[in-house]
Structures are given as structure tokens and as C-alpha cells.
Amino acid sequence: MAPPHRILRLAFALATGLLLAFYAWHRAGDPELRAQREREEAAVIAARAVLESVVGGDIEIVDPLAPKRAVGRAFIYPAGRGWEISGHYRRDPADPWHPFLLRLDAGLTLEELSVRDPALASAQDARLTVVP
């Protein structure tokens, strides 16, 4: 017969595993979390379109949907009634990565874009802030 501590250890491991499995199953099926993820994805896709229209041309973007830790972190978080999305972009492999912070309103239209890109210093858009 097995010692009592081994039986208790096995029972504890099984109970913990079943609780974690139930928790994961419950979280995966939560419709509110799924809806939140869809809203975040829509905001990031809108941010990509806005960034491409402001910067112009074909750019490589690192954002919350396409993270690249070697470049830097990318975040999305709710801000008021809209979203704030951060990331990096570059025009070609020879161009350095340019960090950006983009603020969208509830309708996913641009409120403010802050970038560290000297090439945009002459842009006349009031919503654009070029950080040195």
C-alpha cells in the first residue's frame, strides 16, 4: 500500500489540474472576452490604416497584432471612449524603427499621432506630433 502522503499528493495534483482545466475552459468560452478581443483587433487594424495614410508608402509595422520583441513592445489599451495604440514602423530595412503612439476615438478615427520620425517634421497635420 502507498504511503498516505503520496495518495494526498496525487489527490491534490488531480484536483488542481481539474480546477485549472475548468478555469481555462470557462475563460476560453467567455463571450465578453471574445468581444473585447474583437474590438481591440478592429482598433489595431484601423490604426494601421491611419498610420499608413499619414506616413505614406509601404511600411513595416510592429503593433499588438504583429509583435516583435527585438524591436520593442507594442500596446493597446482603452483610453476614455477610444483607444491608444503604440508600436514601431519603418519604411525599409535600412530605415531605423520609429516609435509611435496613436490615439483613436470611439469611431476609430485619428485624434492624435505622436511619432519619432524626422522625415515627418514638415507635415502640416494638427493631429500629428513629431517628437525629436
C-alpha atoms as a PDB file:
ATOM      1  CA  MET A   1       0.000   0.000   0.000  1.00  0.00           C
ATOM      2  CA  ALA A   2       1.222   3.519  -0.870  1.00  0.00           C
ATOM      3  CA  PRO A   3       2.133   5.892   1.955  1.00  0.00           C
ATOM      4  CA  PRO A   4      -0.616   8.418   2.819  1.00  0.00           C
ATOM      5  CA  HIS A   5       1.454  11.429   1.727  1.00  0.00           C
ATOM      6  CA  ARG A   6       1.725  10.021  -1.820  1.00  0.00           C
ATOM      7  CA  ILE A   7      -2.025   9.498  -2.025  1.00  0.00           C
ATOM      8  CA  LEU A   8      -2.642  13.044  -0.773  1.00  0.00           C
ATOM      9  CA  ARG A   9      -0.106  14.445  -3.226  1.00  0.00           C
ATOM     10  CA  LEU A  10      -1.817  12.600  -6.109  1.00  0.00           C
ATOM     11  CA  ALA A  11      -5.267  13.760  -4.993  1.00  0.00           C
ATOM     12  CA  PHE A  12      -4.027  17.346  -4.699  1.00  0.00           C
ATOM     13  CA  ALA A  13      -2.423  17.218  -8.159  1.00  0.00           C
ATOM     14  CA  LEU A  14      -5.603  15.817  -9.743  1.00  0.00           C
ATOM     15  CA  ALA A  15      -7.829  18.370  -8.027  1.00  0.00           C
ATOM     16  CA  THR A  16      -5.545  21.250  -9.030  1.00  0.00           C
ATOM     17  CA  GLY A  17      -5.392  20.016 -12.619  1.00  0.00           C
ATOM     18  CA  LEU A  18      -9.177  19.694 -12.847  1.00  0.00           C
ATOM     19  CA  LEU A  19      -9.687  23.180 -11.391  1.00  0.00           C
ATOM     20  CA  LEU A  20      -7.201  24.727 -13.818  1.00  0.00           C
ATOM     21  CA  ALA A  21      -8.781  22.893 -16.761  1.00  0.00           C
ATOM     22  CA  PHE A  22     -12.251  24.110 -15.762  1.00  0.00           C
ATOM     23  CA  TYR A  23     -10.978  27.683 -15.336  1.00  0.00           C
ATOM     24  CA  ALA A  24      -9.268  27.636 -18.755  1.00  0.00           C
ATOM     25  CA  TRP A  25     -12.352  26.174 -20.409  1.00  0.00           C
ATOM     26  CA  HIS A  26     -14.577  28.784 -18.774  1.00  0.00           C
ATOM     27  CA  ARG A  27     -12.290  31.669 -19.802  1.00  0.00           C
ATOM     28  CA  ALA A  28     -11.984  30.425 -23.380  1.00  0.00           C
ATOM     29  CA  GLY A  29     -15.739  30.352 -23.752  1.00  0.00           C
ATOM     30  CA  ASP A  30     -16.420  33.743 -22.182  1.00  0.00           C
ATOM     31  CA  PRO A  31     -18.231  35.826 -24.842  1.00  0.00           C
ATOM     32  CA  GLU A  32     -17.259  39.152 -23.240  1.00  0.00           C
ATOM     33  CA  LEU A  33     -13.539  38.361 -23.525  1.00  0.00           C
ATOM     34  CA  ARG A  34     -14.022  37.343 -27.145  1.00  0.00           C
ATOM     35  CA  ALA A  35     -15.923  40.573 -27.877  1.00  0.00           C
ATOM     36  CA  GLN A  36     -13.184  42.624 -26.188  1.00  0.00           C
ATOM     37  CA  ARG A  37     -10.547  40.909 -28.332  1.00  0.00           C
ATOM     38  CA  GLU A  38     -12.567  41.687 -31.489  1.00  0.00           C
ATOM     39  CA  ARG A  39     -12.823  45.372 -30.508  1.00  0.00           C
ATOM     40  CA  GLU A  40      -9.074  45.521 -29.879  1.00  0.00           C
ATOM     41  CA  GLU A  41      -8.294  43.865 -33.229  1.00  0.00           C
ATOM     42  CA  ALA A  42     -10.589  46.317 -35.048  1.00  0.00           C
ATOM     43  CA  ALA A  43      -8.820  49.247 -33.348  1.00  0.00           C
ATOM     44  CA  VAL A  44      -5.356  47.962 -34.310  1.00  0.00           C
ATOM     45  CA  ILE A  45      -6.423  47.374 -37.927  1.00  0.00           C
ATOM     46  CA  ALA A  46      -7.832  50.917 -38.069  1.00  0.00           C
ATOM     47  CA  ALA A  47      -4.604  52.243 -36.524  1.00  0.00           C
ATOM     48  CA  ARG A  48      -2.566  50.509 -39.220  1.00  0.00           C
ATOM     49  CA  ALA A  49      -4.628  52.164 -41.944  1.00  0.00           C
ATOM     50  CA  VAL A  50      -4.287  55.574 -40.295  1.00  0.00           C
ATOM     51  CA  LEU A  51      -0.541  55.180 -39.821  1.00  0.00           C
ATOM     52  CA  GLU A  52      -0.040  54.108 -43.441  1.00  0.00           C
ATOM     53  CA  SER A  53      -2.067  57.083 -44.688  1.00  0.00           C
ATOM     54  CA  VAL A  54      -0.128  59.600 -42.559  1.00  0.00           C
ATOM     55  CA  VAL A  55       3.368  58.165 -43.074  1.00  0.00           C
ATOM     56  CA  GLY A  56       2.684  57.149 -46.659  1.00  0.00           C
ATOM     57  CA  GLY A  57       4.142  54.393 -48.741  1.00  0.00           C
ATOM     58  CA  ASP A  58       4.671  50.761 -47.912  1.00  0.00           C
ATOM     59  CA  ILE A  59       5.791  50.491 -44.290  1.00  0.00           C
ATOM     60  CA  GLU A  60       6.594  47.615 -41.959  1.00  0.00           C
ATOM     61  CA  ILE A  61       4.603  47.903 -38.725  1.00  0.00           C
ATOM     62  CA  VAL A  62       5.155  46.304 -35.335  1.00  0.00           C
ATOM     63  CA  ASP A  63       1.943  46.549 -33.297  1.00  0.00           C
ATOM     64  CA  PRO A  64      -0.061  44.465 -30.799  1.00  0.00           C
ATOM     65  CA  LEU A  65      -1.239  42.135 -33.594  1.00  0.00           C
ATOM     66  CA  ALA A  66       2.273  41.735 -35.011  1.00  0.00           C
ATOM     67  CA  PRO A  67       4.637  41.929 -32.030  1.00  0.00           C
ATOM     68  CA  LYS A  68       8.394  41.755 -32.454  1.00  0.00           C
ATOM     69  CA  ARG A  69      10.153  41.915 -29.102  1.00  0.00           C
ATOM     70  CA  ALA A  70      13.530  42.589 -30.708  1.00  0.00           C
ATOM     71  CA  VAL A  71      12.156  45.942 -31.918  1.00  0.00           C
ATOM     72  CA  GLY A  72      10.241  46.946 -28.805  1.00  0.00           C
ATOM     73  CA  ARG A  73       6.967  46.465 -27.065  1.00  0.00           C
ATOM     74  CA  ALA A  74       3.599  47.320 -28.535  1.00  0.00           C
ATOM     75  CA  PHE A  75       0.479  48.026 -26.503  1.00  0.00           C
ATOM     76  CA  ILE A  76      -3.218  48.670 -26.930  1.00  0.00           C
ATOM     77  CA  TYR A  77      -5.331  49.997 -24.100  1.00  0.00           C
ATOM     78  CA  PRO A  78      -8.669  51.741 -23.743  1.00  0.00           C
ATOM     79  CA  ALA A  79      -8.405  55.477 -23.175  1.00  0.00           C
ATOM     80  CA  GLY A  80     -11.611  57.323 -22.409  1.00  0.00           C
ATOM     81  CA  ARG A  81     -14.040  56.396 -25.158  1.00  0.00           C
ATOM     82  CA  GLY A  82     -11.333  55.379 -27.608  1.00  0.00           C
ATOM     83  CA  TRP A  83      -8.027  53.549 -27.817  1.00  0.00           C
ATOM     84  CA  GLU A  84      -4.326  54.245 -27.528  1.00  0.00           C
ATOM     85  CA  ILE A  85      -2.065  52.031 -29.608  1.00  0.00           C
ATOM     86  CA  SER A  86       1.711  52.056 -29.559  1.00  0.00           C
ATOM     87  CA  GLY A  87       4.260  50.339 -31.734  1.00  0.00           C
ATOM     88  CA  HIS A  88       7.036  50.918 -34.254  1.00  0.00           C
ATOM     89  CA  TYR A  89       7.313  51.299 -38.021  1.00  0.00           C
ATOM     90  CA  ARG A  90       9.979  51.634 -40.680  1.00  0.00           C
ATOM     91  CA  ARG A  91       9.924  52.304 -44.398  1.00  0.00           C
ATOM     92  CA  ASP A  92      12.591  49.771 -45.437  1.00  0.00           C
ATOM     93  CA  PRO A  93      15.228  47.569 -43.761  1.00  0.00           C
ATOM     94  CA  ALA A  94      17.802  50.388 -43.916  1.00  0.00           C
ATOM     95  CA  ASP A  95      15.466  52.783 -42.070  1.00  0.00           C
ATOM     96  CA  PRO A  96      15.619  52.714 -38.256  1.00  0.00           C
ATOM     97  CA  TRP A  97      12.482  51.793 -36.328  1.00  0.00           C
ATOM     98  CA  HIS A  98      10.299  54.793 -35.452  1.00  0.00           C
ATOM     99  CA  PRO A  99       8.138  54.503 -32.305  1.00  0.00           C
ATOM    100  CA  PHE A 100       4.595  55.816 -32.453  1.00  0.00           C
ATOM    101  CA  LEU A 101       1.652  56.400 -30.132  1.00  0.00           C
ATOM    102  CA  LEU A 102      -1.686  56.709 -31.838  1.00  0.00           C
ATOM    103  CA  ARG A 103      -4.947  57.767 -30.198  1.00  0.00           C
ATOM    104  CA  LEU A 104      -8.270  56.823 -31.812  1.00  0.00           C
ATOM    105  CA  ASP A 105     -11.745  57.934 -30.767  1.00  0.00           C
ATOM    106  CA  ALA A 106     -14.726  55.600 -30.318  1.00  0.00           C
ATOM    107  CA  GLY A 107     -15.391  55.704 -34.079  1.00  0.00           C
ATOM    108  CA  LEU A 108     -11.791  54.579 -34.743  1.00  0.00           C
ATOM    109  CA  THR A 109     -10.785  57.860 -36.347  1.00  0.00           C
ATOM    110  CA  LEU A 110      -7.494  59.605 -35.608  1.00  0.00           C
ATOM    111  CA  GLU A 111      -7.395  62.015 -32.690  1.00  0.00           C
ATOM    112  CA  GLU A 112      -3.630  62.292 -32.237  1.00  0.00           C
ATOM    113  CA  LEU A 113      -0.483  60.653 -33.562  1.00  0.00           C
ATOM    114  CA  SER A 114       2.885  61.088 -31.899  1.00  0.00           C
ATOM    115  CA  VAL A 115       5.952  59.768 -33.750  1.00  0.00           C
ATOM    116  CA  ARG A 116       9.722  59.978 -33.506  1.00  0.00           C
ATOM    117  CA  ASP A 117      10.462  60.416 -37.212  1.00  0.00           C
ATOM    118  CA  PRO A 118      12.382  63.455 -38.544  1.00  0.00           C
ATOM    119  CA  ALA A 119      11.043  62.808 -42.052  1.00  0.00           C
ATOM    120  CA  LEU A 120       7.571  63.902 -40.881  1.00  0.00           C
ATOM    121  CA  ALA A 121       8.751  67.169 -39.291  1.00  0.00           C
ATOM    122  CA  SER A 122       7.353  69.209 -42.175  1.00  0.00           C
ATOM    123  CA  ALA A 123       3.878  67.616 -42.078  1.00  0.00           C
ATOM    124  CA  GLN A 124       1.052  70.128 -41.642  1.00  0.00           C
ATOM    125  CA  ASP A 125      -1.488  67.894 -39.867  1.00  0.00           C
ATOM    126  CA  ALA A 126      -2.504  69.394 -36.499  1.00  0.00           C
ATOM    127  CA  ARG A 127      -3.154  65.897 -35.101  1.00  0.00           C
ATOM    128  CA  LEU A 128       0.470  64.893 -35.755  1.00  0.00           C
ATOM    129  CA  THR A 129       3.187  65.496 -33.154  1.00  0.00           C
ATOM    130  CA  VAL A 130       6.778  64.794 -34.181  1.00  0.00           C
ATOM    131  CA  VAL A 131       8.993  64.124 -31.182  1.00  0.00           C
ATOM    132  CA  PRO A 132      12.713  64.840 -31.650  1.00  0.00           C
END
